[in-house]
Protein backbone atom coordinates (compact mmCIF):
# COMPACT_ATOMS: atom_id res chain seq x y z
CA MET A 1 156.35 -234.15 66.74
CA ALA A 2 153.21 -232.30 67.78
CA GLY A 3 152.42 -234.71 70.58
CA ASN A 4 156.00 -235.02 71.78
CA ILE A 5 156.79 -231.36 72.38
CA PRO A 6 154.02 -230.59 74.90
CA ARG A 7 154.90 -233.77 76.81
CA ILE A 8 158.63 -232.97 76.76
CA ILE A 9 157.98 -229.45 78.04
CA ARG A 10 155.55 -230.66 80.75
CA GLU A 11 158.25 -233.09 81.93
CA ASN A 12 160.60 -230.11 82.43
CA PRO A 13 158.70 -227.66 84.68
CA LYS A 14 161.65 -225.22 84.88
CA GLY A 15 161.26 -224.73 81.14
CA LEU A 16 163.30 -225.41 78.03
CA THR A 17 164.95 -223.31 75.37
CA ASN A 18 164.24 -224.05 71.72
CA ARG A 19 167.70 -225.66 71.47
CA THR A 20 167.08 -228.01 74.38
CA THR A 21 163.63 -228.85 73.04
CA TRP A 22 165.13 -229.58 69.61
CA GLU A 23 167.77 -231.84 71.18
CA LYS A 24 165.17 -233.77 73.22
CA VAL A 25 162.83 -234.18 70.24
CA ASN A 26 165.66 -235.49 68.08
CA GLN A 27 166.71 -237.88 70.87
CA THR A 28 163.18 -239.23 70.84
CA LEU A 29 162.75 -239.42 67.06
CA GLY A 30 166.30 -240.11 65.97
CA LYS A 31 169.27 -237.85 65.31
CA ASP A 32 168.44 -234.72 63.31
CA SER A 33 164.96 -235.93 62.34
CA ILE A 34 163.46 -232.44 62.78
CA SER A 35 165.11 -229.16 61.87
CA ARG A 36 165.70 -226.59 64.59
CA ALA A 37 163.77 -224.01 62.57
CA SER A 38 160.72 -226.32 62.62
CA ILE A 39 160.97 -226.58 66.40
CA ILE A 40 161.31 -222.80 66.80
CA ASN A 41 158.28 -222.17 64.57
CA PHE A 42 156.23 -224.82 66.37
CA LEU A 43 157.12 -223.45 69.82
CA GLU A 44 156.21 -219.92 68.77
CA ALA A 45 152.89 -221.11 67.32
CA MET A 46 152.09 -223.01 70.54
CA HIS A 47 152.95 -219.91 72.54
CA ALA A 48 150.69 -217.76 70.35
CA MET A 49 147.82 -220.24 70.91
CA GLY A 50 148.31 -220.16 74.69
CA ILE A 51 149.53 -223.75 74.99
CA LEU A 52 152.98 -222.60 76.16
CA ASP A 53 154.22 -219.73 78.27
CA ALA A 54 157.46 -218.07 77.21
CA GLU A 55 159.90 -215.99 79.24
CA ASP A 56 162.46 -213.93 77.36
CA ARG A 57 165.98 -213.98 78.75
CA THR A 58 169.37 -212.73 77.76
CA GLY A 59 172.51 -214.70 78.39
CA LYS A 60 175.40 -216.39 76.69
CA GLY A 61 174.69 -216.26 72.98
CA GLY A 62 172.21 -213.39 73.26
CA HIS A 63 168.43 -213.36 73.56
CA HIS A 64 166.43 -216.58 74.01
CA SER A 65 163.07 -217.75 75.31
CA ILE A 66 162.35 -220.30 78.01
CA TYR A 67 159.17 -222.24 77.24
CA ARG A 68 156.94 -223.75 79.93
CA ALA A 69 153.62 -225.56 79.72
CA ALA A 70 150.65 -223.23 80.14
CA LEU A 71 148.26 -226.20 80.22
CA ASP A 72 148.45 -229.49 82.06
CA GLU A 73 147.92 -232.70 80.09
CA THR A 74 144.13 -232.64 80.55
CA GLY A 75 143.93 -228.96 79.56
CA TYR A 76 146.07 -229.65 76.48
CA LYS A 77 143.85 -232.53 75.37
CA GLN A 78 140.71 -230.41 75.90
CA PHE A 79 142.28 -227.60 73.87
CA ILE A 80 143.05 -229.98 70.98
CA ALA A 81 139.54 -231.49 71.06
CA SER A 82 137.85 -228.07 71.20
CA THR A 83 140.00 -226.70 68.39
CA LEU A 84 139.24 -229.70 66.21
CA ILE A 85 135.49 -229.54 66.85
CA GLU A 86 135.41 -225.76 66.22
CA SER A 87 137.22 -226.28 62.93
CA LEU A 88 134.82 -229.03 61.89
CA MET A 89 131.83 -226.86 62.86
CA GLN A 90 133.09 -224.09 60.59
CA GLY A 91 133.63 -226.35 57.59
CA PHE A 92 130.94 -229.00 58.06
CA PRO A 93 128.40 -227.80 60.64
CA ASP A 94 125.53 -230.15 59.84
CA GLU A 95 127.73 -233.22 59.45
CA THR A 96 129.64 -232.44 62.66
CA LYS A 97 126.43 -231.98 64.69
CA GLU A 98 125.11 -235.29 63.36
CA ALA A 99 128.39 -237.08 64.09
CA LEU A 100 128.47 -235.70 67.64
CA LYS A 101 124.92 -236.97 68.23
CA ASN A 102 126.02 -240.48 67.24
CA ILE A 103 128.95 -240.64 69.66
CA ASN A 104 128.34 -242.95 72.61
CA PRO A 105 130.19 -241.78 75.75
């Protein structure tokens, strides 16, 4: 799911609601594979991290958010790599530094 949602949103530059995102994710994974609440929570977390932009709107059915990509694909991948490395540095600083030295570009 985590990799699908940013791609799905990037493919829809006008933005998607949580309902539309949920529908597209379940089309990809199979009918009702992921709960709508899981999608809503994931979208909100991605917005809080700066991966997605959100615009609040009111309309039929009340208040809803339109989510758009805040990062392009390269920016998203860099964010994921940086977040992972920062987390490893906090938990295993010496081991992470040594592992990074041994990586051949």
